[in-house]
Amino acid sequence: MSQPKIPTYILSGFLGSGKTTVLLKMLSDFKSRGLKPGIVLNELGQVNVEGHMFKGEKMLEMLDGCICCTIQDDLREELQFFLQEENAVDVLLIEGTGVANPKEILEALTDPRLRDGFETQSIISLADASKFLEYQSIFSSSREIREMLNEQITSATLILLNKMDLVNEKTKDKIYKKLRKQLKAEVEILETVYGEVELDELLKKRMSTVAVSLSKGTGNAGHSHHEHEDHHHHEHPFKAFKIEDFPAVERIRFEKWLKKLPESVLRGKGMVSLASPSGLYQFQFASKEVEMERMEDQDCRTCLILIGYNMPIEEIRVSFQQEVLQTVSI
């Protein structure tokens, strides 16, 4: 007798939209219901600085690449992990990078070796209401960002419009007008603050069929994996770079430096050692705002990861040395 397919949910959303917050809430809710969740976490960088949040979870980490591009084949192989009896889970959550195209994560899930193991229930895309209009504007964002956002929104079966506490009614009306032009009529929009959503809403089966197929056929489902690889021969426009093992920094100086970074830096995260109050802290940087939280595990290595589009990496490295570490760049 064949095993039932694992219900699978794809979490999508641009950098800093709140995907990890929603993922953590979903995990907590699953456990309260006695369910065993599995997680696939994808990061553009070589280190997942949020990995400590998921200690003890049945988890796969896909690092140093975007699921939809450089490591899509790896995803197909790694997902076999959850099909082994000793690693069985009741539900699977896949969180792509902030620049992943959910349609292409779906394509990985349609591999013949995986089709009978996983059943995609929904593509949940988060949008940051406070930055939505700015990211959509031809005057304040790049074509690549607008296209990426469009892919994430148009492939969604559910939209979570997050950070609604940061927008007024006039802005909200403009956001809805734009969204409704992009979305199919049946796609629901839920307004959220700090990613608070009822689990039952997130778990609704919102996909009757898989949107992208690897098998040859007609229409949009007919392109082959070979064509997909050709499509991705170019270098991904979004990059992550990291700085590791640096000494303790002054909090005010460090936060001031982050807020002065070029607009091409869209997201920052990592672990820093502060001189005062002393200790190791995890930080998140998005929308020119910095959040810091003291880590329980004080033995981790310091690590700074910046994600962005066409970033002046050498210029940023030098400014970090001179303005944060106050050392002379060599």
C-alpha atoms as a PDB file:
ATOM      1  CA  MET A   1       0.000   0.000   0.000  1.00  0.00           C
ATOM      2  CA  SER A   2       1.475   3.337  -1.027  1.00  0.00           C
ATOM      3  CA  GLN A   3       2.092   6.074   1.508  1.00  0.00           C
ATOM      4  CA  PRO A   4      -0.207   9.134   1.382  1.00  0.00           C
ATOM      5  CA  LYS A   5       1.341  12.210  -0.208  1.00  0.00           C
ATOM      6  CA  ILE A   6       2.871  14.779   2.120  1.00  0.00           C
ATOM      7  CA  PRO A   7       0.841  18.027   2.041  1.00  0.00           C
ATOM      8  CA  THR A   8       3.313  20.727   1.005  1.00  0.00           C
ATOM      9  CA  TYR A   9       3.124  24.511   1.393  1.00  0.00           C
ATOM     10  CA  ILE A  10       5.450  26.975  -0.343  1.00  0.00           C
ATOM     11  CA  LEU A  11       6.186  30.222   1.512  1.00  0.00           C
ATOM     12  CA  SER A  12       7.159  33.039  -0.793  1.00  0.00           C
ATOM     13  CA  GLY A  13       7.709  36.761  -0.401  1.00  0.00           C
ATOM     14  CA  PHE A  14      10.244  39.464  -1.048  1.00  0.00           C
ATOM     15  CA  LEU A  15      13.144  40.177   1.313  1.00  0.00           C
ATOM     16  CA  GLY A  16      11.991  41.329   4.743  1.00  0.00           C
ATOM     17  CA  SER A  17       8.283  40.622   4.184  1.00  0.00           C
ATOM     18  CA  GLY A  18       7.941  38.356   7.235  1.00  0.00           C
ATOM     19  CA  LYS A  19       8.218  34.782   5.901  1.00  0.00           C
ATOM     20  CA  THR A  20      10.253  33.430   8.817  1.00  0.00           C
ATOM     21  CA  THR A  21       7.824  34.914  11.366  1.00  0.00           C
ATOM     22  CA  VAL A  22       4.899  33.152   9.676  1.00  0.00           C
ATOM     23  CA  LEU A  23       6.899  29.923   9.382  1.00  0.00           C
ATOM     24  CA  LEU A  24       7.675  29.882  13.122  1.00  0.00           C
ATOM     25  CA  LYS A  25       4.015  30.470  13.988  1.00  0.00           C
ATOM     26  CA  MET A  26       2.931  27.644  11.678  1.00  0.00           C
ATOM     27  CA  LEU A  27       5.429  25.252  13.288  1.00  0.00           C
ATOM     28  CA  SER A  28       4.151  26.102  16.753  1.00  0.00           C
ATOM     29  CA  ASP A  29       0.536  25.576  15.677  1.00  0.00           C
ATOM     30  CA  PHE A  30       1.324  22.238  14.011  1.00  0.00           C
ATOM     31  CA  LYS A  31       2.957  20.937  17.184  1.00  0.00           C
ATOM     32  CA  SER A  32       0.014  22.042  19.328  1.00  0.00           C
ATOM     33  CA  ARG A  33      -2.124  19.818  17.077  1.00  0.00           C
ATOM     34  CA  GLY A  34       0.193  16.854  17.449  1.00  0.00           C
ATOM     35  CA  LEU A  35       1.498  17.058  13.868  1.00  0.00           C
ATOM     36  CA  LYS A  36       5.121  16.467  12.806  1.00  0.00           C
ATOM     37  CA  PRO A  37       6.241  19.244  10.419  1.00  0.00           C
ATOM     38  CA  GLY A  38       9.222  19.168   8.058  1.00  0.00           C
ATOM     39  CA  ILE A  39      10.987  22.299   6.814  1.00  0.00           C
ATOM     40  CA  VAL A  40      13.122  23.248   3.830  1.00  0.00           C
ATOM     41  CA  LEU A  41      14.971  26.538   4.372  1.00  0.00           C
ATOM     42  CA  ASN A  42      16.756  28.259   1.497  1.00  0.00           C
ATOM     43  CA  GLU A  43      19.346  31.040   1.825  1.00  0.00           C
ATOM     44  CA  LEU A  44      21.344  32.859  -0.846  1.00  0.00           C
ATOM     45  CA  GLY A  45      24.373  32.992   1.440  1.00  0.00           C
ATOM     46  CA  GLN A  46      26.650  30.232   2.726  1.00  0.00           C
ATOM     47  CA  VAL A  47      25.294  30.512   6.259  1.00  0.00           C
ATOM     48  CA  ASN A  48      21.728  30.360   7.578  1.00  0.00           C
ATOM     49  CA  VAL A  49      21.918  32.780  10.486  1.00  0.00           C
ATOM     50  CA  GLU A  50      18.325  31.939  11.490  1.00  0.00           C
ATOM     51  CA  GLY A  51      19.061  28.210  11.707  1.00  0.00           C
ATOM     52  CA  HIS A  52      19.264  28.306  15.526  1.00  0.00           C
ATOM     53  CA  MET A  53      15.552  29.220  15.628  1.00  0.00           C
ATOM     54  CA  PHE A  54      14.739  25.783  14.239  1.00  0.00           C
ATOM     55  CA  LYS A  55      16.907  23.586  16.467  1.00  0.00           C
ATOM     56  CA  GLY A  56      15.354  20.152  16.947  1.00  0.00           C
ATOM     57  CA  GLU A  57      13.163  20.452  13.847  1.00  0.00           C
ATOM     58  CA  LYS A  58      13.233  17.966  10.965  1.00  0.00           C
ATOM     59  CA  MET A  59      14.870  20.380   8.557  1.00  0.00           C
ATOM     60  CA  LEU A  60      16.815  20.606   5.316  1.00  0.00           C
ATOM     61  CA  GLU A  61      18.994  23.667   4.726  1.00  0.00           C
ATOM     62  CA  MET A  62      19.658  24.656   1.109  1.00  0.00           C
ATOM     63  CA  LEU A  63      22.481  27.193   1.252  1.00  0.00           C
ATOM     64  CA  ASP A  64      24.515  29.314  -1.133  1.00  0.00           C
ATOM     65  CA  GLY A  65      21.950  29.532  -3.897  1.00  0.00           C
ATOM     66  CA  CYS A  66      18.358  30.171  -4.852  1.00  0.00           C
ATOM     67  CA  ILE A  67      16.103  27.073  -5.032  1.00  0.00           C
ATOM     68  CA  CYS A  68      14.701  28.187  -8.378  1.00  0.00           C
ATOM     69  CA  CYS A  69      18.134  28.520  -9.986  1.00  0.00           C
ATOM     70  CA  THR A  70      21.452  27.106  -8.913  1.00  0.00           C
ATOM     71  CA  ILE A  71      20.252  24.440  -6.494  1.00  0.00           C
ATOM     72  CA  GLN A  72      16.942  23.322  -7.962  1.00  0.00           C
ATOM     73  CA  ASP A  73      18.410  19.919  -8.836  1.00  0.00           C
ATOM     74  CA  ASP A  74      19.738  19.658  -5.280  1.00  0.00           C
ATOM     75  CA  LEU A  75      16.219  20.293  -3.972  1.00  0.00           C
ATOM     76  CA  ARG A  76      14.888  17.372  -5.970  1.00  0.00           C
ATOM     77  CA  GLU A  77      17.538  15.103  -4.479  1.00  0.00           C
ATOM     78  CA  GLU A  78      17.265  16.400  -0.927  1.00  0.00           C
ATOM     79  CA  LEU A  79      13.473  16.042  -0.757  1.00  0.00           C
ATOM     80  CA  GLN A  80      13.960  12.283  -0.956  1.00  0.00           C
ATOM     81  CA  PHE A  81      14.960  12.644   2.710  1.00  0.00           C
ATOM     82  CA  PHE A  82      11.315  13.119   3.742  1.00  0.00           C
ATOM     83  CA  LEU A  83      10.216  10.044   1.787  1.00  0.00           C
ATOM     84  CA  GLN A  84      12.324   7.764   3.984  1.00  0.00           C
ATOM     85  CA  GLU A  85      10.252   6.063   6.666  1.00  0.00           C
ATOM     86  CA  GLU A  86      12.475   7.222   9.546  1.00  0.00           C
ATOM     87  CA  ASN A  87      12.119  10.868   8.427  1.00  0.00           C
ATOM     88  CA  ALA A  88       8.361  10.834   7.810  1.00  0.00           C
ATOM     89  CA  VAL A  89       6.511  14.099   8.427  1.00  0.00           C
ATOM     90  CA  ASP A  90       2.823  15.033   8.394  1.00  0.00           C
ATOM     91  CA  VAL A  91       3.296  18.299   6.520  1.00  0.00           C
ATOM     92  CA  LEU A  92       6.158  20.038   4.673  1.00  0.00           C
ATOM     93  CA  LEU A  93       6.904  23.776   4.562  1.00  0.00           C
ATOM     94  CA  ILE A  94       9.306  25.153   1.946  1.00  0.00           C
ATOM     95  CA  GLU A  95      10.571  28.692   2.493  1.00  0.00           C
ATOM     96  CA  GLY A  96      12.349  30.076  -0.561  1.00  0.00           C
ATOM     97  CA  THR A  97      14.758  32.999  -0.510  1.00  0.00           C
ATOM     98  CA  GLY A  98      13.279  36.455  -0.791  1.00  0.00           C
ATOM     99  CA  VAL A  99      14.107  36.400  -4.506  1.00  0.00           C
ATOM    100  CA  ALA A 100      12.856  32.901  -5.354  1.00  0.00           C
ATOM    101  CA  ASN A 101      10.213  32.350  -8.019  1.00  0.00           C
ATOM    102  CA  PRO A 102       7.577  30.022  -6.478  1.00  0.00           C
ATOM    103  CA  LYS A 103       6.604  28.612  -9.889  1.00  0.00           C
ATOM    104  CA  GLU A 104      10.056  27.130 -10.247  1.00  0.00           C
ATOM    105  CA  ILE A 105       9.970  25.583  -6.769  1.00  0.00           C
ATOM    106  CA  LEU A 106       6.766  23.962  -7.983  1.00  0.00           C
ATOM    107  CA  GLU A 107       8.632  22.665 -11.003  1.00  0.00           C
ATOM    108  CA  ALA A 108      11.085  20.862  -8.715  1.00  0.00           C
ATOM    109  CA  LEU A 109       8.149  19.263  -6.903  1.00  0.00           C
ATOM    110  CA  THR A 110       6.814  17.881 -10.205  1.00  0.00           C
ATOM    111  CA  ASP A 111       9.869  15.678 -10.719  1.00  0.00           C
ATOM    112  CA  PRO A 112       8.627  12.124 -11.490  1.00  0.00           C
ATOM    113  CA  ARG A 113      10.489  10.823  -8.424  1.00  0.00           C
ATOM    114  CA  LEU A 114       8.656  13.281  -6.163  1.00  0.00           C
ATOM    115  CA  ARG A 115       5.192  13.600  -7.687  1.00  0.00           C
ATOM    116  CA  ASP A 116       3.841  10.618  -5.759  1.00  0.00           C
ATOM    117  CA  GLY A 117       5.430  11.781  -2.519  1.00  0.00           C
ATOM    118  CA  PHE A 118       4.337  15.407  -2.225  1.00  0.00           C
ATOM    119  CA  GLU A 119       1.130  17.285  -2.941  1.00  0.00           C
ATOM    120  CA  THR A 120       1.347  21.065  -3.103  1.00  0.00           C
ATOM    121  CA  GLN A 121      -1.582  22.579  -1.233  1.00  0.00           C
ATOM    122  CA  SER A 122      -0.902  26.286  -1.541  1.00  0.00           C
ATOM    123  CA  ILE A 123       1.639  28.949  -2.480  1.00  0.00           C
ATOM    124  CA  ILE A 124       1.476  31.531   0.286  1.00  0.00           C
ATOM    125  CA  SER A 125       3.085  34.823  -0.746  1.00  0.00           C
ATOM    126  CA  LEU A 126       3.785  37.578   1.741  1.00  0.00           C
ATOM    127  CA  ALA A 127       3.883  41.225   0.743  1.00  0.00           C
ATOM    128  CA  ASP A 128       5.218  44.033   2.914  1.00  0.00           C
ATOM    129  CA  ALA A 129       2.425  46.617   2.840  1.00  0.00           C
ATOM    130  CA  SER A 130       4.762  49.373   4.040  1.00  0.00           C
ATOM    131  CA  LYS A 131       7.092  48.917   1.039  1.00  0.00           C
ATOM    132  CA  PHE A 132       4.710  47.500  -1.582  1.00  0.00           C
ATOM    133  CA  LEU A 133       4.045  50.685  -3.566  1.00  0.00           C
ATOM    134  CA  GLU A 134       7.704  51.715  -3.431  1.00  0.00           C
ATOM    135  CA  TYR A 135       8.833  48.327  -4.794  1.00  0.00           C
ATOM    136  CA  GLN A 136       6.205  48.508  -7.552  1.00  0.00           C
ATOM    137  CA  SER A 137       7.174  52.014  -8.654  1.00  0.00           C
ATOM    138  CA  ILE A 138       9.304  52.523 -11.742  1.00  0.00           C
ATOM    139  CA  PHE A 139      10.744  55.602 -10.008  1.00  0.00           C
ATOM    140  CA  SER A 140      12.032  53.905  -6.832  1.00  0.00           C
ATOM    141  CA  SER A 141      12.816  50.296  -7.780  1.00  0.00           C
ATOM    142  CA  SER A 142      14.566  48.348 -10.507  1.00  0.00           C
ATOM    143  CA  ARG A 143      12.901  46.351 -13.272  1.00  0.00           C
ATOM    144  CA  GLU A 144      14.325  43.164 -11.731  1.00  0.00           C
ATOM    145  CA  ILE A 145      12.654  43.840  -8.379  1.00  0.00           C
ATOM    146  CA  ARG A 146       9.302  44.617 -10.015  1.00  0.00           C
ATOM    147  CA  GLU A 147       9.467  41.459 -12.121  1.00  0.00           C
ATOM    148  CA  MET A 148      10.400  39.321  -9.108  1.00  0.00           C
ATOM    149  CA  LEU A 149       7.538  40.741  -7.058  1.00  0.00           C
ATOM    150  CA  ASN A 150       5.147  40.174  -9.937  1.00  0.00           C
ATOM    151  CA  GLU A 151       6.201  36.513 -10.181  1.00  0.00           C
ATOM    152  CA  GLN A 152       5.708  36.003  -6.462  1.00  0.00           C
ATOM    153  CA  ILE A 153       2.287  37.653  -6.462  1.00  0.00           C
ATOM    154  CA  THR A 154       0.846  36.218  -9.652  1.00  0.00           C
ATOM    155  CA  SER A 155       1.822  32.646  -8.750  1.00  0.00           C
ATOM    156  CA  ALA A 156       0.297  32.882  -5.255  1.00  0.00           C
ATOM    157  CA  THR A 157      -2.838  31.041  -4.199  1.00  0.00           C
ATOM    158  CA  LEU A 158      -3.004  33.179  -1.031  1.00  0.00           C
ATOM    159  CA  ILE A 159      -1.616  36.651  -0.354  1.00  0.00           C
ATOM    160  CA  LEU A 160      -0.681  37.743   3.163  1.00  0.00           C
ATOM    161  CA  LEU A 161      -0.529  41.520   3.173  1.00  0.00           C
ATOM    162  CA  ASN A 162       1.759  41.959   6.158  1.00  0.00           C
ATOM    163  CA  LYS A 163       2.747  45.015   8.264  1.00  0.00           C
ATOM    164  CA  MET A 164      -0.699  46.570   7.805  1.00  0.00           C
ATOM    165  CA  ASP A 165      -0.173  48.562  10.995  1.00  0.00           C
ATOM    166  CA  LEU A 166       2.325  50.702   9.070  1.00  0.00           C
ATOM    167  CA  VAL A 167      -0.028  51.979   6.324  1.00  0.00           C
ATOM    168  CA  ASN A 168      -3.015  54.328   6.251  1.00  0.00           C
ATOM    169  CA  GLU A 169      -6.348  53.822   4.443  1.00  0.00           C
ATOM    170  CA  LYS A 170      -5.283  55.805   1.378  1.00  0.00           C
ATOM    171  CA  THR A 171      -2.153  53.663   0.907  1.00  0.00           C
ATOM    172  CA  LYS A 172      -4.170  50.515   1.558  1.00  0.00           C
ATOM    173  CA  ASP A 173      -6.629  51.419  -1.234  1.00  0.00           C
ATOM    174  CA  LYS A 174      -3.755  51.950  -3.685  1.00  0.00           C
ATOM    175  CA  ILE A 175      -2.202  48.596  -2.737  1.00  0.00           C
ATOM    176  CA  TYR A 176      -5.485  46.755  -3.300  1.00  0.00           C
ATOM    177  CA  LYS A 177      -5.983  48.372  -6.705  1.00  0.00           C
ATOM    178  CA  LYS A 178      -2.544  47.209  -7.815  1.00  0.00           C
ATOM    179  CA  LEU A 179      -2.985  43.729  -6.374  1.00  0.00           C
ATOM    180  CA  ARG A 180      -6.365  43.179  -7.964  1.00  0.00           C
ATOM    181  CA  LYS A 181      -4.897  43.999 -11.383  1.00  0.00           C
ATOM    182  CA  GLN A 182      -2.257  41.307 -10.879  1.00  0.00           C
ATOM    183  CA  LEU A 183      -4.264  38.583  -9.154  1.00  0.00           C
ATOM    184  CA  LYS A 184      -6.835  36.083 -10.342  1.00  0.00           C
ATOM    185  CA  ALA A 185     -10.242  36.868  -8.861  1.00  0.00           C
ATOM    186  CA  GLU A 186     -10.287  33.734  -6.685  1.00  0.00           C
ATOM    187  CA  VAL A 187      -7.005  34.544  -4.901  1.00  0.00           C
ATOM    188  CA  GLU A 188      -7.749  35.656  -1.355  1.00  0.00           C
ATOM    189  CA  ILE A 189      -5.909  38.515   0.369  1.00  0.00           C
ATOM    190  CA  LEU A 190      -5.541  38.383   4.158  1.00  0.00           C
ATOM    191  CA  GLU A 191      -4.346  41.456   6.047  1.00  0.00           C
ATOM    192  CA  THR A 192      -1.844  40.708   8.813  1.00  0.00           C
ATOM    193  CA  VAL A 193       0.272  42.380  11.471  1.00  0.00           C
ATOM    194  CA  TYR A 194       3.423  40.503  12.576  1.00  0.00           C
ATOM    195  CA  GLY A 195       2.256  37.599  10.407  1.00  0.00           C
ATOM    196  CA  GLU A 196      -0.662  36.722  12.714  1.00  0.00           C
ATOM    197  CA  VAL A 197      -2.993  34.426  10.754  1.00  0.00           C
ATOM    198  CA  GLU A 198      -5.254  31.545  11.789  1.00  0.00           C
ATOM    199  CA  LEU A 199      -3.548  28.266  10.882  1.00  0.00           C
ATOM    200  CA  ASP A 200      -6.758  26.901   9.351  1.00  0.00           C
ATOM    201  CA  GLU A 201      -6.708  29.764   6.836  1.00  0.00           C
ATOM    202  CA  LEU A 202      -3.146  28.943   5.843  1.00  0.00           C
ATOM    203  CA  LEU A 203      -3.851  25.214   5.571  1.00  0.00           C
ATOM    204  CA  LYS A 204      -6.744  25.499   3.139  1.00  0.00           C
ATOM    205  CA  LYS A 205      -6.089  23.531  -0.042  1.00  0.00           C
ATOM    206  CA  ARG A 206      -5.970  26.272  -2.636  1.00  0.00           C
ATOM    207  CA  MET A 207      -4.459  24.342  -5.540  1.00  0.00           C
ATOM    208  CA  SER A 208      -6.471  21.774  -7.426  1.00  0.00           C
ATOM    209  CA  THR A 209      -3.610  20.911  -9.782  1.00  0.00           C
ATOM    210  CA  VAL A 210       0.120  21.520  -9.921  1.00  0.00           C
ATOM    211  CA  ALA A 211       0.691  24.684 -11.959  1.00  0.00           C
ATOM    212  CA  VAL A 212       3.900  23.584 -13.657  1.00  0.00           C
ATOM    213  CA  SER A 213       4.638  20.153 -15.040  1.00  0.00           C
ATOM    214  CA  LEU A 214       7.860  18.564 -16.204  1.00  0.00           C
ATOM    215  CA  SER A 215       6.059  16.297 -18.632  1.00  0.00           C
ATOM    216  CA  LYS A 216       5.605  17.348 -22.231  1.00  0.00           C
ATOM    217  CA  GLY A 217       2.198  18.652 -23.113  1.00  0.00           C
ATOM    218  CA  THR A 218       0.405  21.739 -24.247  1.00  0.00           C
ATOM    219  CA  GLY A 219       0.015  25.226 -22.902  1.00  0.00           C
ATOM    220  CA  ASN A 220       2.052  26.701 -20.030  1.00  0.00           C
ATOM    221  CA  ALA A 221       2.588  23.303 -18.438  1.00  0.00           C
ATOM    222  CA  GLY A 222       4.447  21.964 -21.456  1.00  0.00           C
ATOM    223  CA  HIS A 223       7.970  23.359 -21.151  1.00  0.00           C
ATOM    224  CA  SER A 224      10.703  20.881 -20.343  1.00  0.00           C
ATOM    225  CA  HIS A 225      13.391  20.990 -17.674  1.00  0.00           C
ATOM    226  CA  HIS A 226      15.998  21.530 -20.407  1.00  0.00           C
ATOM    227  CA  GLU A 227      14.252  24.739 -21.439  1.00  0.00           C
ATOM    228  CA  HIS A 228      14.160  25.792 -17.801  1.00  0.00           C
ATOM    229  CA  GLU A 229      17.917  25.399 -17.527  1.00  0.00           C
ATOM    230  CA  ASP A 230      18.432  27.452 -20.684  1.00  0.00           C
ATOM    231  CA  HIS A 231      16.271  30.147 -19.178  1.00  0.00           C
ATOM    232  CA  HIS A 232      18.621  30.334 -16.195  1.00  0.00           C
ATOM    233  CA  HIS A 233      21.973  30.399 -17.952  1.00  0.00           C
ATOM    234  CA  HIS A 234      22.403  34.020 -16.836  1.00  0.00           C
ATOM    235  CA  GLU A 235      23.795  34.946 -13.443  1.00  0.00           C
ATOM    236  CA  HIS A 236      21.158  35.599 -10.803  1.00  0.00           C
ATOM    237  CA  PRO A 237      20.844  39.396 -10.370  1.00  0.00           C
ATOM    238  CA  PHE A 238      20.367  39.094  -6.604  1.00  0.00           C
ATOM    239  CA  LYS A 239      23.361  38.288  -4.472  1.00  0.00           C
ATOM    240  CA  ALA A 240      24.313  37.656  -0.865  1.00  0.00           C
ATOM    241  CA  PHE A 241      27.711  38.281   0.588  1.00  0.00           C
ATOM    242  CA  LYS A 242      29.040  37.803   4.080  1.00  0.00           C
ATOM    243  CA  ILE A 243      31.691  39.072   6.463  1.00  0.00           C
ATOM    244  CA  GLU A 244      32.721  36.637   9.218  1.00  0.00           C
ATOM    245  CA  ASP A 245      34.687  36.519  12.458  1.00  0.00           C
ATOM    246  CA  PHE A 246      34.938  40.231  13.188  1.00  0.00           C
ATOM    247  CA  PRO A 247      35.500  41.683  16.678  1.00  0.00           C
ATOM    248  CA  ALA A 248      32.958  43.343  18.951  1.00  0.00           C
ATOM    249  CA  VAL A 249      31.330  46.500  17.592  1.00  0.00           C
ATOM    250  CA  GLU A 250      29.657  49.549  19.088  1.00  0.00           C
ATOM    251  CA  ARG A 251      25.897  49.183  18.630  1.00  0.00           C
ATOM    252  CA  ILE A 252      25.194  52.826  17.693  1.00  0.00           C
ATOM    253  CA  ARG A 253      28.026  52.903  15.152  1.00  0.00           C
ATOM    254  CA  PHE A 254      26.937  49.582  13.633  1.00  0.00           C
ATOM    255  CA  GLU A 255      23.250  50.574  13.315  1.00  0.00           C
ATOM    256  CA  LYS A 256      24.186  53.947  11.830  1.00  0.00           C
ATOM    257  CA  TRP A 257      26.340  52.162   9.221  1.00  0.00           C
ATOM    258  CA  LEU A 258      23.512  49.768   8.297  1.00  0.00           C
ATOM    259  CA  LYS A 259      21.059  52.622   7.781  1.00  0.00           C
ATOM    260  CA  LYS A 260      23.551  54.420   5.502  1.00  0.00           C
ATOM    261  CA  LEU A 261      24.001  51.415   3.193  1.00  0.00           C
ATOM    262  CA  PRO A 262      23.113  51.961  -0.492  1.00  0.00           C
ATOM    263  CA  GLU A 263      19.533  51.366  -1.659  1.00  0.00           C
ATOM    264  CA  SER A 264      20.773  48.310  -3.553  1.00  0.00           C
ATOM    265  CA  VAL A 265      21.139  46.526  -0.184  1.00  0.00           C
ATOM    266  CA  LEU A 266      17.662  45.147   0.439  1.00  0.00           C
ATOM    267  CA  ARG A 267      18.178  42.978   3.491  1.00  0.00           C
ATOM    268  CA  GLY A 268      20.726  42.264   6.190  1.00  0.00           C
ATOM    269  CA  LYS A 269      20.967  39.631   8.896  1.00  0.00           C
ATOM    270  CA  GLY A 270      23.564  38.012  11.057  1.00  0.00           C
ATOM    271  CA  MET A 271      25.171  37.755  14.478  1.00  0.00           C
ATOM    272  CA  VAL A 272      27.262  40.500  16.005  1.00  0.00           C
ATOM    273  CA  SER A 273      29.171  40.796  19.226  1.00  0.00           C
ATOM    274  CA  LEU A 274      28.380  44.107  20.930  1.00  0.00           C
ATOM    275  CA  ALA A 275      30.867  45.958  23.100  1.00  0.00           C
ATOM    276  CA  SER A 276      28.052  47.387  25.220  1.00  0.00           C
ATOM    277  CA  PRO A 277      25.787  45.825  26.343  1.00  0.00           C
ATOM    278  CA  SER A 278      28.338  43.038  25.859  1.00  0.00           C
ATOM    279  CA  GLY A 279      27.291  39.745  24.288  1.00  0.00           C
ATOM    280  CA  LEU A 280      26.309  38.096  21.041  1.00  0.00           C
ATOM    281  CA  TYR A 281      23.177  39.415  19.328  1.00  0.00           C
ATOM    282  CA  GLN A 282      21.196  38.344  16.293  1.00  0.00           C
ATOM    283  CA  PHE A 283      20.216  41.264  14.090  1.00  0.00           C
ATOM    284  CA  GLN A 284      17.723  41.761  11.250  1.00  0.00           C
ATOM    285  CA  PHE A 285      17.881  44.710   8.865  1.00  0.00           C
ATOM    286  CA  ALA A 286      15.071  45.570   6.439  1.00  0.00           C
ATOM    287  CA  SER A 287      13.403  48.779   5.242  1.00  0.00           C
ATOM    288  CA  LYS A 288      16.157  50.821   6.943  1.00  0.00           C
ATOM    289  CA  GLU A 289      15.087  49.427  10.336  1.00  0.00           C
ATOM    290  CA  VAL A 290      17.333  47.365  12.635  1.00  0.00           C
ATOM    291  CA  GLU A 291      16.142  44.813  15.198  1.00  0.00           C
ATOM    292  CA  MET A 292      18.462  43.113  17.697  1.00  0.00           C
ATOM    293  CA  GLU A 293      17.918  40.222  20.088  1.00  0.00           C
ATOM    294  CA  ARG A 294      20.398  38.703  22.524  1.00  0.00           C
ATOM    295  CA  MET A 295      21.179  35.084  21.621  1.00  0.00           C
ATOM    296  CA  GLU A 296      20.940  32.228  24.100  1.00  0.00           C
ATOM    297  CA  ASP A 297      23.890  30.495  22.456  1.00  0.00           C
ATOM    298  CA  GLN A 298      26.820  32.824  23.042  1.00  0.00           C
ATOM    299  CA  ASP A 299      29.371  30.527  21.353  1.00  0.00           C
ATOM    300  CA  CYS A 300      28.394  31.286  17.733  1.00  0.00           C
ATOM    301  CA  ARG A 301      30.772  33.054  15.350  1.00  0.00           C
ATOM    302  CA  THR A 302      30.041  36.608  14.278  1.00  0.00           C
ATOM    303  CA  CYS A 303      28.619  36.837  10.786  1.00  0.00           C
ATOM    304  CA  LEU A 304      27.185  39.664   8.668  1.00  0.00           C
ATOM    305  CA  ILE A 305      25.147  38.786   5.568  1.00  0.00           C
ATOM    306  CA  LEU A 306      23.837  41.397   3.138  1.00  0.00           C
ATOM    307  CA  ILE A 307      21.431  40.574   0.301  1.00  0.00           C
ATOM    308  CA  GLY A 308      20.746  42.909  -2.570  1.00  0.00           C
ATOM    309  CA  TYR A 309      20.838  43.744  -6.232  1.00  0.00           C
ATOM    310  CA  ASN A 310      24.039  45.011  -7.915  1.00  0.00           C
ATOM    311  CA  MET A 311      25.615  45.906  -4.591  1.00  0.00           C
ATOM    312  CA  PRO A 312      28.977  47.739  -4.541  1.00  0.00           C
ATOM    313  CA  ILE A 313      30.515  44.938  -2.481  1.00  0.00           C
ATOM    314  CA  GLU A 314      34.069  46.264  -2.236  1.00  0.00           C
ATOM    315  CA  GLU A 315      32.826  49.738  -1.299  1.00  0.00           C
ATOM    316  CA  ILE A 316      30.636  48.236   1.451  1.00  0.00           C
ATOM    317  CA  ARG A 317      33.506  46.102   2.770  1.00  0.00           C
ATOM    318  CA  VAL A 318      35.798  49.126   3.032  1.00  0.00           C
ATOM    319  CA  SER A 319      33.136  51.252   4.745  1.00  0.00           C
ATOM    320  CA  PHE A 320      32.497  48.450   7.277  1.00  0.00           C
ATOM    321  CA  GLN A 321      36.195  48.377   8.160  1.00  0.00           C
ATOM    322  CA  GLN A 322      36.536  52.135   8.387  1.00  0.00           C
ATOM    323  CA  GLU A 323      33.198  53.146   9.944  1.00  0.00           C
ATOM    324  CA  VAL A 324      32.303  50.157  12.122  1.00  0.00           C
ATOM    325  CA  LEU A 325      35.613  48.510  12.980  1.00  0.00           C
ATOM    326  CA  GLN A 326      37.501  51.820  12.632  1.00  0.00           C
ATOM    327  CA  THR A 327      40.488  50.124  11.035  1.00  0.00           C
ATOM    328  CA  VAL A 328      42.439  51.231   7.981  1.00  0.00           C
ATOM    329  CA  SER A 329      41.455  49.276   4.870  1.00  0.00           C
ATOM    330  CA  ILE A 330      44.305  47.470   3.141  1.00  0.00           C
END
